[in-house]
N, C-alpha and C. Protein backbone atom coordinates (compact mmCIF):
# COMPACT_ATOMS: atom_id res chain seq x y z
N MET A 1 231.93 36.85 72.98
CA MET A 1 231.16 37.89 73.02
C MET A 1 229.86 37.70 74.38
N ILE A 2 229.99 37.20 75.46
CA ILE A 2 228.63 36.55 76.32
C ILE A 2 228.01 38.06 76.30
N VAL A 3 226.90 37.91 76.06
CA VAL A 3 225.57 38.80 75.88
C VAL A 3 224.29 38.61 78.19
N LYS A 4 224.11 39.45 78.51
CA LYS A 4 224.08 39.07 79.31
C LYS A 4 222.83 39.41 78.38
N ALA A 5 221.68 38.99 79.76
CA ALA A 5 219.79 39.03 79.43
C ALA A 5 219.77 39.91 80.45
N ASP A 6 218.32 41.15 80.08
CA ASP A 6 218.49 41.83 80.33
C ASP A 6 216.84 41.42 81.31
N THR A 7 217.79 42.15 82.79
CA THR A 7 216.59 41.42 84.19
C THR A 7 216.15 42.00 84.42
N THR A 8 216.02 43.93 84.10
CA THR A 8 214.96 44.05 84.79
C THR A 8 213.69 44.69 84.29
N GLU A 9 213.07 44.83 86.32
CA GLU A 9 211.84 45.03 85.35
C GLU A 9 211.47 46.72 84.86
N LYS A 10 210.24 46.36 83.86
CA LYS A 10 209.93 46.98 83.20
C LYS A 10 208.35 46.79 82.90
N LYS A 11 207.80 48.67 83.28
CA LYS A 11 206.43 47.37 83.56
C LYS A 11 205.15 47.71 82.07
N ILE A 12 204.42 47.33 81.53
CA ILE A 12 204.05 47.11 80.68
C ILE A 12 202.03 46.58 81.00
N ASP A 13 201.71 47.62 79.78
CA ASP A 13 200.20 47.95 79.77
C ASP A 13 199.29 46.57 79.01
N VAL A 14 198.51 45.96 79.81
CA VAL A 14 197.81 44.62 78.66
C VAL A 14 196.80 45.23 78.54
N GLN A 15 196.92 44.51 76.84
CA GLN A 15 194.79 44.76 77.54
C GLN A 15 194.15 43.01 76.81
N TYR A 16 193.29 43.03 77.38
CA TYR A 16 192.54 41.28 76.23
C TYR A 16 191.36 41.63 75.97
N TYR A 17 191.18 40.66 75.04
CA TYR A 17 189.57 41.10 73.64
C TYR A 17 189.59 39.36 74.02
N ALA A 18 188.17 39.43 73.70
CA ALA A 18 187.25 37.56 73.10
C ALA A 18 187.66 37.32 74.78
N LEU A 19 188.15 35.71 74.74
CA LEU A 19 187.94 34.98 74.89
C LEU A 19 189.17 34.88 76.11
N LEU A 20 190.84 36.11 76.03
CA LEU A 20 191.90 36.18 76.40
C LEU A 20 190.91 37.30 77.72
N ARG A 21 189.70 37.98 77.38
CA ARG A 21 189.23 38.85 78.90
C ARG A 21 188.40 37.96 79.78
N GLU A 22 187.59 36.69 79.15
CA GLU A 22 186.32 35.97 79.80
C GLU A 22 187.75 35.16 81.03
N GLU A 23 189.00 34.80 79.73
CA GLU A 23 189.81 33.79 81.60
C GLU A 23 190.81 34.30 82.84
N ARG A 24 190.37 35.82 82.50
CA ARG A 24 191.51 37.00 82.71
C ARG A 24 189.88 37.31 84.19
N GLY A 25 189.38 37.32 83.09
CA GLY A 25 188.40 38.36 84.39
C GLY A 25 188.47 39.82 83.77
N LEU A 26 189.06 40.48 83.04
CA LEU A 26 189.33 41.46 82.80
C LEU A 26 190.15 41.42 82.16
N SER A 27 189.59 43.27 81.90
CA SER A 27 190.55 44.16 79.97
C SER A 27 191.69 44.70 79.52
N PHE A 28 191.74 45.21 80.92
CA PHE A 28 192.61 45.55 80.99
C PHE A 28 193.73 45.51 81.76
N GLU A 29 195.35 45.95 82.70
CA GLU A 29 195.97 45.44 83.40
C GLU A 29 198.06 45.76 83.54
N THR A 30 198.04 45.78 84.41
CA THR A 30 199.64 46.63 83.76
C THR A 30 200.43 45.65 84.36
N VAL A 31 201.28 45.53 84.86
CA VAL A 31 202.36 44.29 84.98
C VAL A 31 203.21 44.69 85.00
N MET A 32 204.37 44.20 86.26
CA MET A 32 205.86 43.67 86.67
C MET A 32 206.38 42.91 84.73
N THR A 33 207.99 43.06 84.49
CA THR A 33 208.40 41.85 83.56
C THR A 33 209.19 41.74 83.31
N ILE A 34 209.68 41.06 83.24
CA ILE A 34 211.56 40.82 82.61
C ILE A 34 211.12 40.85 81.29
N ALA A 35 210.55 40.54 81.02
CA ALA A 35 209.75 39.80 79.06
C ALA A 35 210.99 40.61 78.20
N GLN A 36 211.48 39.84 77.00
CA GLN A 36 212.48 41.02 76.28
C GLN A 36 210.88 41.30 75.33
N THR A 37 210.77 40.08 74.95
CA THR A 37 209.61 40.30 73.22
C THR A 37 207.99 39.94 73.98
N PRO A 38 207.05 39.84 73.01
CA PRO A 38 205.57 39.73 72.72
C PRO A 38 205.67 38.48 73.01
N LYS A 39 206.30 38.03 72.87
CA LYS A 39 206.49 36.41 73.52
C LYS A 39 206.72 36.64 74.56
N GLU A 40 207.72 36.29 74.79
CA GLU A 40 208.10 35.75 76.33
C GLU A 40 206.76 36.55 77.01
N LEU A 41 206.31 38.06 76.44
CA LEU A 41 204.92 38.38 77.95
C LEU A 41 204.19 37.34 77.54
N TYR A 42 203.82 37.21 76.80
CA TYR A 42 202.13 35.92 76.35
C TYR A 42 202.93 34.59 77.52
N GLY A 43 204.21 34.15 77.41
CA GLY A 43 204.52 32.73 77.46
C GLY A 43 204.16 33.18 79.26
N GLU A 44 205.08 34.15 80.21
CA GLU A 44 204.50 34.82 81.37
C GLU A 44 203.67 34.30 81.65
N LEU A 45 202.55 35.43 80.90
CA LEU A 45 201.29 35.43 81.53
C LEU A 45 200.04 34.40 81.11
N GLN A 46 200.02 33.37 80.09
CA GLN A 46 200.03 31.95 79.36
C GLN A 46 199.71 31.51 81.32
N LYS A 47 201.49 31.67 81.35
CA LYS A 47 201.21 30.51 82.40
C LYS A 47 201.06 31.28 84.23
N ARG A 48 201.28 31.75 84.48
CA ARG A 48 200.50 33.17 86.05
C ARG A 48 198.61 32.66 85.24
N HIS A 49 198.12 33.31 84.21
CA HIS A 49 196.83 32.82 84.02
C HIS A 49 195.78 31.72 83.69
N GLY A 50 196.75 31.11 83.41
CA GLY A 50 196.39 29.35 82.36
C GLY A 50 195.23 29.58 80.59
N PHE A 51 195.60 31.15 80.59
CA PHE A 51 195.11 30.48 79.32
C PHE A 51 195.18 29.81 78.39
N ARG A 52 194.57 29.68 77.72
CA ARG A 52 194.32 28.68 76.52
C ARG A 52 195.27 28.01 75.04
N LEU A 53 195.09 29.47 74.71
CA LEU A 53 195.66 29.98 73.73
C LEU A 53 196.61 29.78 73.27
N PRO A 54 196.92 29.51 72.37
CA PRO A 54 198.27 28.67 71.81
C PRO A 54 199.18 30.34 71.07
N ILE A 55 199.70 30.62 70.75
CA ILE A 55 200.57 31.46 70.75
C ILE A 55 200.17 31.98 69.55
N GLU A 56 200.25 30.70 68.47
CA GLU A 56 200.28 30.12 66.83
C GLU A 56 198.82 31.15 66.84
N ARG A 57 197.99 30.65 67.44
CA ARG A 57 196.79 31.92 66.43
C ARG A 57 196.39 33.13 67.67
N LEU A 58 196.91 34.06 68.20
CA LEU A 58 196.76 35.29 68.92
C LEU A 58 197.47 36.20 67.32
N LYS A 59 197.15 37.58 67.21
CA LYS A 59 198.33 38.45 66.82
C LYS A 59 198.62 39.33 67.29
N VAL A 60 199.61 39.77 67.68
CA VAL A 60 200.43 41.08 68.67
C VAL A 60 200.26 42.47 68.23
N ALA A 61 199.81 43.06 69.11
CA ALA A 61 199.92 45.15 68.34
C ALA A 61 200.51 45.84 69.73
N VAL A 62 201.22 46.23 69.32
CA VAL A 62 202.42 46.72 70.45
C VAL A 62 202.60 48.56 70.32
N ASN A 63 202.08 49.52 71.02
CA ASN A 63 201.55 50.95 70.82
C ASN A 63 200.97 51.31 70.28
N ASP A 64 199.31 50.63 69.47
CA ASP A 64 198.62 50.62 68.77
C ASP A 64 199.60 49.79 67.16
N ALA A 65 200.37 49.25 66.90
CA ALA A 65 200.79 48.62 65.27
C ALA A 65 200.64 47.06 65.72
N PHE A 66 200.26 46.17 64.94
CA PHE A 66 200.83 44.80 64.56
C PHE A 66 202.63 44.75 64.33
N GLN A 67 202.56 44.16 65.74
CA GLN A 67 203.78 43.54 65.89
C GLN A 67 204.39 41.70 65.07
N ASP A 68 205.53 42.01 65.29
CA ASP A 68 206.57 40.42 65.01
C ASP A 68 206.22 39.99 66.80
N TRP A 69 206.20 39.27 67.01
CA TRP A 69 206.39 37.97 68.68
C TRP A 69 207.78 38.67 69.23
N ASP A 70 208.86 38.32 68.22
CA ASP A 70 210.60 38.50 69.24
C ASP A 70 210.32 40.32 68.76
N SER A 71 209.39 41.09 68.07
CA SER A 71 209.92 42.45 68.53
C SER A 71 210.62 42.92 69.66
N PRO A 72 211.00 44.00 70.26
CA PRO A 72 211.70 43.96 72.17
C PRO A 72 210.56 45.14 72.82
N LEU A 73 210.64 44.54 73.53
CA LEU A 73 209.20 45.41 74.11
C LEU A 73 210.30 46.64 74.67
N GLN A 74 209.90 47.36 75.05
CA GLN A 74 210.20 48.79 76.02
C GLN A 74 210.06 49.57 77.15
N PRO A 75 209.85 50.04 78.55
CA PRO A 75 209.03 49.59 79.51
C PRO A 75 207.86 51.27 79.08
N ASN A 76 206.88 50.72 79.55
CA ASN A 76 205.50 51.96 78.87
C ASN A 76 204.61 51.10 77.83
N ASP A 77 205.36 50.04 77.67
CA ASP A 77 204.39 50.46 75.84
C ASP A 77 203.39 49.16 76.85
N ASN A 78 202.33 49.48 75.31
CA ASN A 78 201.22 49.26 75.66
C ASN A 78 200.50 47.32 74.29
N VAL A 79 200.47 46.80 74.79
CA VAL A 79 200.56 45.37 74.46
C VAL A 79 199.47 44.75 74.58
N VAL A 80 198.34 44.59 73.36
CA VAL A 80 197.53 43.79 72.90
C VAL A 80 197.39 41.92 72.78
N PHE A 81 196.83 41.92 73.14
CA PHE A 81 196.97 40.00 72.66
C PHE A 81 195.43 40.23 72.18
N ILE A 82 195.58 39.92 70.62
CA ILE A 82 194.29 39.59 69.80
C ILE A 82 193.93 37.79 69.93
N PRO A 83 192.95 37.81 69.79
CA PRO A 83 192.57 36.76 69.80
C PRO A 83 192.04 36.40 68.63
N PRO A 84 191.26 34.78 67.89
CA PRO A 84 190.67 35.16 66.64
C PRO A 84 188.98 35.08 67.02
N VAL A 85 188.17 35.98 66.04
CA VAL A 85 186.87 36.14 65.89
C VAL A 85 186.20 35.30 65.68
N ALA A 86 185.08 35.08 65.65
CA ALA A 86 183.24 34.60 65.49
C ALA A 86 182.68 35.60 64.73
N GLY A 87 182.35 35.64 63.89
CA GLY A 87 181.24 36.61 63.73
C GLY A 87 180.25 36.22 62.56
N GLY A 88 179.36 37.03 62.50
CA GLY A 88 178.17 36.35 62.25
C GLY A 88 177.68 37.14 60.94
């Protein structure tokens, strides 16, 4: 059985913090994407915006809950990429 990838664009709200916010130049944006997972979405955004942080250094939350990078994305999800933070 052949499974066809869903190529339907969906609207995703993305929030950025710390280094990602600095690199993007804003803290929030709405994107149209065919990404099926947070991992795919970060890959798209990394290429588009030149993010330097590798995915292994980030956590991801979808709709206010930490998620696995391979969890499915739904239209209108709110995705937050959380970089490491330093404190003192």
